[in-house]
PDB file of all heavy atoms in Angstrom:
ATOM      1  N   LEU A   1     133.751 132.822  91.053  1.00  0.00           N
ATOM      2  CA  LEU A   1     132.857 132.202  92.025  1.00  0.00           C
ATOM      3  C   LEU A   1     131.469 132.832  91.989  1.00  0.00           C
ATOM      4  O   LEU A   1     131.316 134.036  91.760  1.00  0.00           O
ATOM      5  CB  LEU A   1     133.442 132.309  93.424  1.00  0.00           C
ATOM      6  CG  LEU A   1     134.565 131.311  93.721  1.00  0.00           C
ATOM      7  CD1 LEU A   1     135.368 131.734  94.941  1.00  0.00           C
ATOM      8  CD2 LEU A   1     133.986 129.916  93.929  1.00  0.00           C
ATOM      9  N   LYS A   2     130.484 131.994  92.217  1.00  0.00           N
ATOM     10  CA  LYS A   2     129.090 132.389  92.224  1.00  0.00           C
ATOM     11  C   LYS A   2     128.478 132.082  93.586  1.00  0.00           C
ATOM     12  O   LYS A   2     128.959 131.203  94.298  1.00  0.00           O
ATOM     13  CB  LYS A   2     128.317 131.629  91.142  1.00  0.00           C
ATOM     14  CG  LYS A   2     128.878 131.762  89.744  1.00  0.00           C
ATOM     15  CD  LYS A   2     128.111 130.875  88.773  1.00  0.00           C
ATOM     16  CE  LYS A   2     128.668 130.987  87.374  1.00  0.00           C
ATOM     17  NZ  LYS A   2     127.932 130.118  86.422  1.00  0.00           N
ATOM     18  N   PRO A   3     127.414 132.787  93.950  1.00  0.00           N
ATOM     19  CA  PRO A   3     126.756 132.478  95.223  1.00  0.00           C
ATOM     20  C   PRO A   3     126.348 131.013  95.346  1.00  0.00           C
ATOM     21  O   PRO A   3     126.355 130.467  96.449  1.00  0.00           O
ATOM     22  CB  PRO A   3     125.528 133.400  95.207  1.00  0.00           C
ATOM     23  CG  PRO A   3     125.963 134.563  94.385  1.00  0.00           C
ATOM     24  CD  PRO A   3     126.830 133.970  93.302  1.00  0.00           C
ATOM     25  N   GLU A   4     126.028 130.380  94.233  1.00  0.00           N
ATOM     26  CA  GLU A   4     125.648 128.979  94.244  1.00  0.00           C
ATOM     27  C   GLU A   4     126.790 128.060  94.664  1.00  0.00           C
ATOM     28  O   GLU A   4     126.552 126.893  94.982  1.00  0.00           O
ATOM     29  CB  GLU A   4     125.143 128.541  92.861  1.00  0.00           C
ATOM     30  CG  GLU A   4     124.033 129.406  92.303  1.00  0.00           C
ATOM     31  CD  GLU A   4     124.565 130.551  91.469  1.00  0.00           C
ATOM     32  OE1 GLU A   4     124.844 131.625  92.040  1.00  0.00           O
ATOM     33  OE2 GLU A   4     124.698 130.373  90.239  1.00  0.00           O
ATOM     34  N   ASP A   5     128.025 128.563  94.641  1.00  0.00           N
ATOM     35  CA  ASP A   5     129.176 127.775  95.063  1.00  0.00           C
ATOM     36  C   ASP A   5     129.341 127.752  96.578  1.00  0.00           C
ATOM     37  O   ASP A   5     130.186 127.013  97.092  1.00  0.00           O
ATOM     38  CB  ASP A   5     130.462 128.315  94.432  1.00  0.00           C
ATOM     39  CG  ASP A   5     130.458 128.225  92.917  1.00  0.00           C
ATOM     40  OD1 ASP A   5     130.032 127.182  92.389  1.00  0.00           O
ATOM     41  OD2 ASP A   5     130.897 129.200  92.275  1.00  0.00           O
ATOM     42  N   THR A   6     128.576 128.566  97.276  1.00  0.00           N
ATOM     43  CA  THR A   6     128.660 128.606  98.725  1.00  0.00           C
ATOM     44  C   THR A   6     128.378 127.233  99.313  1.00  0.00           C
ATOM     45  O   THR A   6     127.341 126.628  99.035  1.00  0.00           O
ATOM     46  CB  THR A   6     127.677 129.626  99.299  1.00  0.00           C
ATOM     47  OG1 THR A   6     128.047 130.937  98.870  1.00  0.00           O
ATOM     48  CG2 THR A   6     127.675 129.587 100.824  1.00  0.00           C
ATOM     49  N   SER A   7     129.307 126.747 100.110  1.00  0.00           N
ATOM     50  CA  SER A   7     129.169 125.408 100.679  1.00  0.00           C
ATOM     51  C   SER A   7     130.360 125.135 101.586  1.00  0.00           C
ATOM     52  O   SER A   7     131.306 125.925 101.647  1.00  0.00           O
ATOM     53  CB  SER A   7     129.101 124.358  99.564  1.00  0.00           C
ATOM     54  OG  SER A   7     128.796 123.076 100.080  1.00  0.00           O
ATOM     55  N   VAL A   8     130.310 124.021 102.259  1.00  0.00           N
ATOM     56  CA  VAL A   8     131.480 123.477 102.925  1.00  0.00           C
ATOM     57  C   VAL A   8     132.135 122.506 101.951  1.00  0.00           C
ATOM     58  O   VAL A   8     131.471 121.622 101.410  1.00  0.00           O
ATOM     59  CB  VAL A   8     131.134 122.761 104.240  1.00  0.00           C
ATOM     60  CG1 VAL A   8     132.391 122.149 104.867  1.00  0.00           C
ATOM     61  CG2 VAL A   8     130.485 123.732 105.216  1.00  0.00           C
ATOM     62  N   TYR A   9     133.420 122.685 101.717  1.00  0.00           N
ATOM     63  CA  TYR A   9     134.146 121.865 100.762  1.00  0.00           C
ATOM     64  C   TYR A   9     134.998 120.836 101.493  1.00  0.00           C
ATOM     65  O   TYR A   9     135.709 121.163 102.447  1.00  0.00           O
ATOM     66  CB  TYR A   9     135.032 122.736  99.866  1.00  0.00           C
ATOM     67  CG  TYR A   9     134.247 123.463  98.809  1.00  0.00           C
ATOM     68  CD1 TYR A   9     133.407 124.518  99.154  1.00  0.00           C
ATOM     69  CD2 TYR A   9     134.319 123.078  97.468  1.00  0.00           C
ATOM     70  CE1 TYR A   9     132.662 125.169  98.198  1.00  0.00           C
ATOM     71  CE2 TYR A   9     133.577 123.735  96.506  1.00  0.00           C
ATOM     72  CZ  TYR A   9     132.750 124.780  96.866  1.00  0.00           C
ATOM     73  OH  TYR A   9     132.011 125.428  95.910  1.00  0.00           O
ATOM     74  N   TYR A  10     134.924 119.602 101.039  1.00  0.00           N
ATOM     75  CA  TYR A  10     135.640 118.489 101.639  1.00  0.00           C
ATOM     76  C   TYR A  10     136.538 117.832 100.602  1.00  0.00           C
ATOM     77  O   TYR A  10     136.128 117.634  99.458  1.00  0.00           O
ATOM     78  CB  TYR A  10     134.668 117.428 102.160  1.00  0.00           C
ATOM     79  CG  TYR A  10     133.717 117.906 103.222  1.00  0.00           C
ATOM     80  CD1 TYR A  10     132.521 118.509 102.883  1.00  0.00           C
ATOM     81  CD2 TYR A  10     134.016 117.733 104.568  1.00  0.00           C
ATOM     82  CE1 TYR A  10     131.637 118.948 103.862  1.00  0.00           C
ATOM     83  CE2 TYR A  10     133.142 118.157 105.552  1.00  0.00           C
ATOM     84  CZ  TYR A  10     131.954 118.765 105.193  1.00  0.00           C
ATOM     85  OH  TYR A  10     131.081 119.186 106.162  1.00  0.00           O
ATOM     86  N   CYS A  11     137.738 117.460 101.007  1.00  0.00           N
ATOM     87  CA  CYS A  11     138.600 116.692 100.121  1.00  0.00           C
ATOM     88  C   CYS A  11     138.490 115.215 100.461  1.00  0.00           C
ATOM     89  O   CYS A  11     138.180 114.835 101.593  1.00  0.00           O
ATOM     90  CB  CYS A  11     140.054 117.157 100.192  1.00  0.00           C
ATOM     91  SG  CYS A  11     140.846 116.997 101.801  1.00  0.00           S
ATOM     92  N   LYS A  12     138.743 114.397  99.462  1.00  0.00           N
ATOM     93  CA  LYS A  12     138.721 112.947  99.625  1.00  0.00           C
ATOM     94  C   LYS A  12     139.889 112.349  98.857  1.00  0.00           C
ATOM     95  O   LYS A  12     140.042 112.598  97.661  1.00  0.00           O
ATOM     96  CB  LYS A  12     137.409 112.349  99.104  1.00  0.00           C
ATOM     97  CG  LYS A  12     137.321 110.840  99.304  1.00  0.00           C
ATOM     98  CD  LYS A  12     136.036 110.243  98.730  1.00  0.00           C
ATOM     99  CE  LYS A  12     136.126 110.109  97.224  1.00  0.00           C
ATOM    100  NZ  LYS A  12     134.948 109.358  96.680  1.00  0.00           N
ATOM    101  N   PHE A  13     140.707 111.580  99.550  1.00  0.00           N
ATOM    102  CA  PHE A  13     141.819 110.870  98.935  1.00  0.00           C
ATOM    103  C   PHE A  13     141.519 109.382  98.961  1.00  0.00           C
ATOM    104  O   PHE A  13     141.108 108.848  99.988  1.00  0.00           O
ATOM    105  CB  PHE A  13     143.128 111.119  99.680  1.00  0.00           C
ATOM    106  CG  PHE A  13     143.718 112.492  99.512  1.00  0.00           C
ATOM    107  CD1 PHE A  13     143.050 113.488  98.829  1.00  0.00           C
ATOM    108  CD2 PHE A  13     144.967 112.784 100.045  1.00  0.00           C
ATOM    109  CE1 PHE A  13     143.601 114.754  98.685  1.00  0.00           C
ATOM    110  CE2 PHE A  13     145.532 114.042  99.905  1.00  0.00           C
ATOM    111  CZ  PHE A  13     144.843 115.029  99.220  1.00  0.00           C
ATOM    112  N   THR A  14     141.757 108.727  97.847  1.00  0.00           N
ATOM    113  CA  THR A  14     141.584 107.288  97.744  1.00  0.00           C
ATOM    114  C   THR A  14     142.940 106.635  97.562  1.00  0.00           C
ATOM    115  O   THR A  14     143.714 107.046  96.700  1.00  0.00           O
ATOM    116  CB  THR A  14     140.669 106.926  96.574  1.00  0.00           C
ATOM    117  OG1 THR A  14     139.399 107.556  96.740  1.00  0.00           O
ATOM    118  CG2 THR A  14     140.473 105.418  96.495  1.00  0.00           C
ATOM    119  N   VAL A  15     143.223 105.615  98.373  1.00  0.00           N
ATOM    120  CA  VAL A  15     144.488 104.892  98.268  1.00  0.00           C
ATOM    121  C   VAL A  15     144.223 103.513  97.693  1.00  0.00           C
ATOM    122  O   VAL A  15     143.165 102.922  97.907  1.00  0.00           O
ATOM    123  CB  VAL A  15     145.200 104.781  99.624  1.00  0.00           C
ATOM    124  CG1 VAL A  15     145.514 106.168 100.166  1.00  0.00           C
ATOM    125  CG2 VAL A  15     144.367 104.000 100.621  1.00  0.00           C
ATOM    126  N   GLY A  16     145.200 103.000  96.967  1.00  0.00           N
ATOM    127  CA  GLY A  16     145.022 101.718  96.305  1.00  0.00           C
ATOM    128  C   GLY A  16     144.108 101.848  95.111  1.00  0.00           C
ATOM    129  O   GLY A  16     143.524 102.909  94.858  1.00  0.00           O
ATOM    130  N   PRO A  17     143.957 100.772  94.372  1.00  0.00           N
ATOM    131  CA  PRO A  17     143.133 100.838  93.157  1.00  0.00           C
ATOM    132  C   PRO A  17     141.671 101.173  93.437  1.00  0.00           C
ATOM    133  O   PRO A  17     141.029 101.831  92.600  1.00  0.00           O
ATOM    134  CB  PRO A  17     143.270  99.430  92.574  1.00  0.00           C
ATOM    135  CG  PRO A  17     144.562  98.914  93.124  1.00  0.00           C
ATOM    136  CD  PRO A  17     144.641  99.477  94.505  1.00  0.00           C
ATOM    137  N   THR A  18     141.132 100.730  94.555  1.00  0.00           N
ATOM    138  CA  THR A  18     139.711 100.930  94.834  1.00  0.00           C
ATOM    139  C   THR A  18     139.427 101.548  96.198  1.00  0.00           C
ATOM    140  O   THR A  18     138.266 101.722  96.570  1.00  0.00           O
ATOM    141  CB  THR A  18     138.957  99.593  94.748  1.00  0.00           C
ATOM    142  OG1 THR A  18     139.487  98.680  95.702  1.00  0.00           O
ATOM    143  CG2 THR A  18     139.077  98.996  93.345  1.00  0.00           C
ATOM    144  N   GLY A  19     140.423 101.873  96.960  1.00  0.00           N
ATOM    145  CA  GLY A  19     140.197 102.442  98.268  1.00  0.00           C
ATOM    146  C   GLY A  19     141.168 101.903  99.278  1.00  0.00           C
ATOM    147  O   GLY A  19     142.089 101.157  98.913  1.00  0.00           O
ATOM    148  N   PRO A  20     140.992 102.252 100.532  1.00  0.00           N
ATOM    149  CA  PRO A  20     139.896 103.006 101.149  1.00  0.00           C
ATOM    150  C   PRO A  20     139.974 104.496 100.841  1.00  0.00           C
ATOM    151  O   PRO A  20     140.955 104.975 100.285  1.00  0.00           O
ATOM    152  CB  PRO A  20     140.084 102.751 102.646  1.00  0.00           C
ATOM    153  CG  PRO A  20     141.560 102.585 102.795  1.00  0.00           C
ATOM    154  CD  PRO A  20     141.992 101.829 101.560  1.00  0.00           C
ATOM    155  N   ALA A  21     138.920 105.195 101.204  1.00  0.00           N
ATOM    156  CA  ALA A  21     138.849 106.626 101.022  1.00  0.00           C
ATOM    157  C   ALA A  21     138.938 107.335 102.364  1.00  0.00           C
ATOM    158  O   ALA A  21     138.401 106.858 103.364  1.00  0.00           O
ATOM    159  CB  ALA A  21     137.550 107.013 100.318  1.00  0.00           C
ATOM    160  N   TYR A  22     139.608 108.470 102.368  1.00  0.00           N
ATOM    161  CA  TYR A  22     139.744 109.286 103.562  1.00  0.00           C
ATOM    162  C   TYR A  22     139.211 110.675 103.274  1.00  0.00           C
ATOM    163  O   TYR A  22     139.407 111.212 102.181  1.00  0.00           O
ATOM    164  CB  TYR A  22     141.209 109.369 104.000  1.00  0.00           C
ATOM    165  CG  TYR A  22     141.811 108.028 104.359  1.00  0.00           C
ATOM    166  CD1 TYR A  22     142.429 107.246 103.395  1.00  0.00           C
ATOM    167  CD2 TYR A  22     141.744 107.542 105.655  1.00  0.00           C
ATOM    168  CE1 TYR A  22     142.968 106.005 103.720  1.00  0.00           C
ATOM    169  CE2 TYR A  22     142.282 106.311 105.983  1.00  0.00           C
ATOM    170  CZ  TYR A  22     142.895 105.545 105.010  1.00  0.00           C
ATOM    171  OH  TYR A  22     143.430 104.317 105.339  1.00  0.00           O
ATOM    172  N   TRP A  23     138.554 111.249 104.265  1.00  0.00           N
ATOM    173  CA  TRP A  23     137.917 112.554 104.111  1.00  0.00           C
ATOM    174  C   TRP A  23     138.531 113.590 105.031  1.00  0.00           C
ATOM    175  O   TRP A  23     138.925 113.295 106.156  1.00  0.00           O
ATOM    176  CB  TRP A  23     136.425 112.464 104.439  1.00  0.00           C
ATOM    177  CG  TRP A  23     135.615 111.688 103.456  1.00  0.00           C
ATOM    178  CD1 TRP A  23     135.381 110.344 103.453  1.00  0.00           C
ATOM    179  CD2 TRP A  23     134.915 112.218 102.331  1.00  0.00           C
ATOM    180  NE1 TRP A  23     134.575 109.998 102.399  1.00  0.00           N
ATOM    181  CE2 TRP A  23     134.276 111.135 101.691  1.00  0.00           C
ATOM    182  CE3 TRP A  23     134.756 113.496 101.803  1.00  0.00           C
ATOM    183  CZ2 TRP A  23     133.491 111.299 100.549  1.00  0.00           C
ATOM    184  CZ3 TRP A  23     133.984 113.660 100.671  1.00  0.00           C
ATOM    185  CH2 TRP A  23     133.359 112.569 100.058  1.00  0.00           C
ATOM    186  N   GLY A  24     138.592 114.826 104.547  1.00  0.00           N
ATOM    187  CA  GLY A  24     138.976 115.939 105.380  1.00  0.00           C
ATOM    188  C   GLY A  24     137.792 116.448 106.177  1.00  0.00           C
ATOM    189  O   GLY A  24     136.655 116.029 105.980  1.00  0.00           O
ATOM    190  N   GLY A  25     138.060 117.366 107.085  1.00  0.00           N
ATOM    191  CA  GLY A  25     137.023 117.890 107.956  1.00  0.00           C
ATOM    192  C   GLY A  25     136.194 119.014 107.367  1.00  0.00           C
ATOM    193  O   GLY A  25     135.172 119.396 107.953  1.00  0.00           O
ATOM    194  N   GLY A  26     136.601 119.557 106.228  1.00  0.00           N
ATOM    195  CA  GLY A  26     135.815 120.569 105.546  1.00  0.00           C
ATOM    196  C   GLY A  26     136.309 121.988 105.789  1.00  0.00           C
ATOM    197  O   GLY A  26     136.865 122.306 106.843  1.00  0.00           O
ATOM    198  N   THR A  27     136.104 122.832 104.800  1.00  0.00           N
ATOM    199  CA  THR A  27     136.423 124.251 104.902  1.00  0.00           C
ATOM    200  C   THR A  27     135.294 125.052 104.263  1.00  0.00           C
ATOM    201  O   THR A  27     134.799 124.704 103.195  1.00  0.00           O
ATOM    202  CB  THR A  27     137.783 124.574 104.238  1.00  0.00           C
ATOM    203  OG1 THR A  27     138.113 125.950 104.450  1.00  0.00           O
ATOM    204  CG2 THR A  27     137.767 124.286 102.741  1.00  0.00           C
ATOM    205  N   GLN A  28     134.871 126.106 104.930  1.00  0.00           N
ATOM    206  CA  GLN A  28     133.720 126.890 104.483  1.00  0.00           C
ATOM    207  C   GLN A  28     134.104 127.853 103.368  1.00  0.00           C
ATOM    208  O   GLN A  28     135.094 128.574 103.469  1.00  0.00           O
ATOM    209  CB  GLN A  28     133.127 127.678 105.649  1.00  0.00           C
ATOM    210  CG  GLN A  28     131.969 128.594 105.274  1.00  0.00           C
ATOM    211  CD  GLN A  28     130.717 127.831 104.920  1.00  0.00           C
ATOM    212  OE1 GLN A  28     130.311 126.927 105.660  1.00  0.00           O
ATOM    213  NE2 GLN A  28     130.092 128.185 103.796  1.00  0.00           N
ATOM    214  N   VAL A  29     133.289 127.869 102.326  1.00  0.00           N
ATOM    215  CA  VAL A  29     133.410 128.841 101.240  1.00  0.00           C
ATOM    216  C   VAL A  29     132.086 129.585 101.134  1.00  0.00           C
ATOM    217  O   VAL A  29     131.036 128.967 100.982  1.00  0.00           O
ATOM    218  CB  VAL A  29     133.746 128.164  99.898  1.00  0.00           C
ATOM    219  CG1 VAL A  29     133.645 129.164  98.747  1.00  0.00           C
ATOM    220  CG2 VAL A  29     135.132 127.547  99.948  1.00  0.00           C
ATOM    221  N   THR A  30     132.143 130.906 101.232  1.00  0.00           N
ATOM    222  CA  THR A  30     130.945 131.731 101.146  1.00  0.00           C
ATOM    223  C   THR A  30     131.132 132.772 100.056  1.00  0.00           C
ATOM    224  O   THR A  30     132.117 133.516 100.064  1.00  0.00           O
ATOM    225  CB  THR A  30     130.656 132.422 102.482  1.00  0.00           C
ATOM    226  OG1 THR A  30     130.503 131.446 103.514  1.00  0.00           O
ATOM    227  CG2 THR A  30     129.381 133.252 102.382  1.00  0.00           C
ATOM    228  N   VAL A  31     130.189 132.831  99.125  1.00  0.00           N
ATOM    229  CA  VAL A  31     130.246 133.768  98.012  1.00  0.00           C
ATOM    230  C   VAL A  31     129.008 134.653  98.085  1.00  0.00           C
ATOM    231  O   VAL A  31     127.881 134.160  98.018  1.00  0.00           O
ATOM    232  CB  VAL A  31     130.308 133.053  96.664  1.00  0.00           C
ATOM    233  CG1 VAL A  31     130.486 134.068  95.542  1.00  0.00           C
ATOM    234  CG2 VAL A  31     131.436 132.030  96.649  1.00  0.00           C
TER     235      VAL A  31
END
């Protein structure tokens, strides 16, 4: 990990061939 990787990370799951997409609430990563 590098300091440039510091961010809030969000996951996204897509269901079906084209969507819909669902997002997580985020988790903080600090380097």
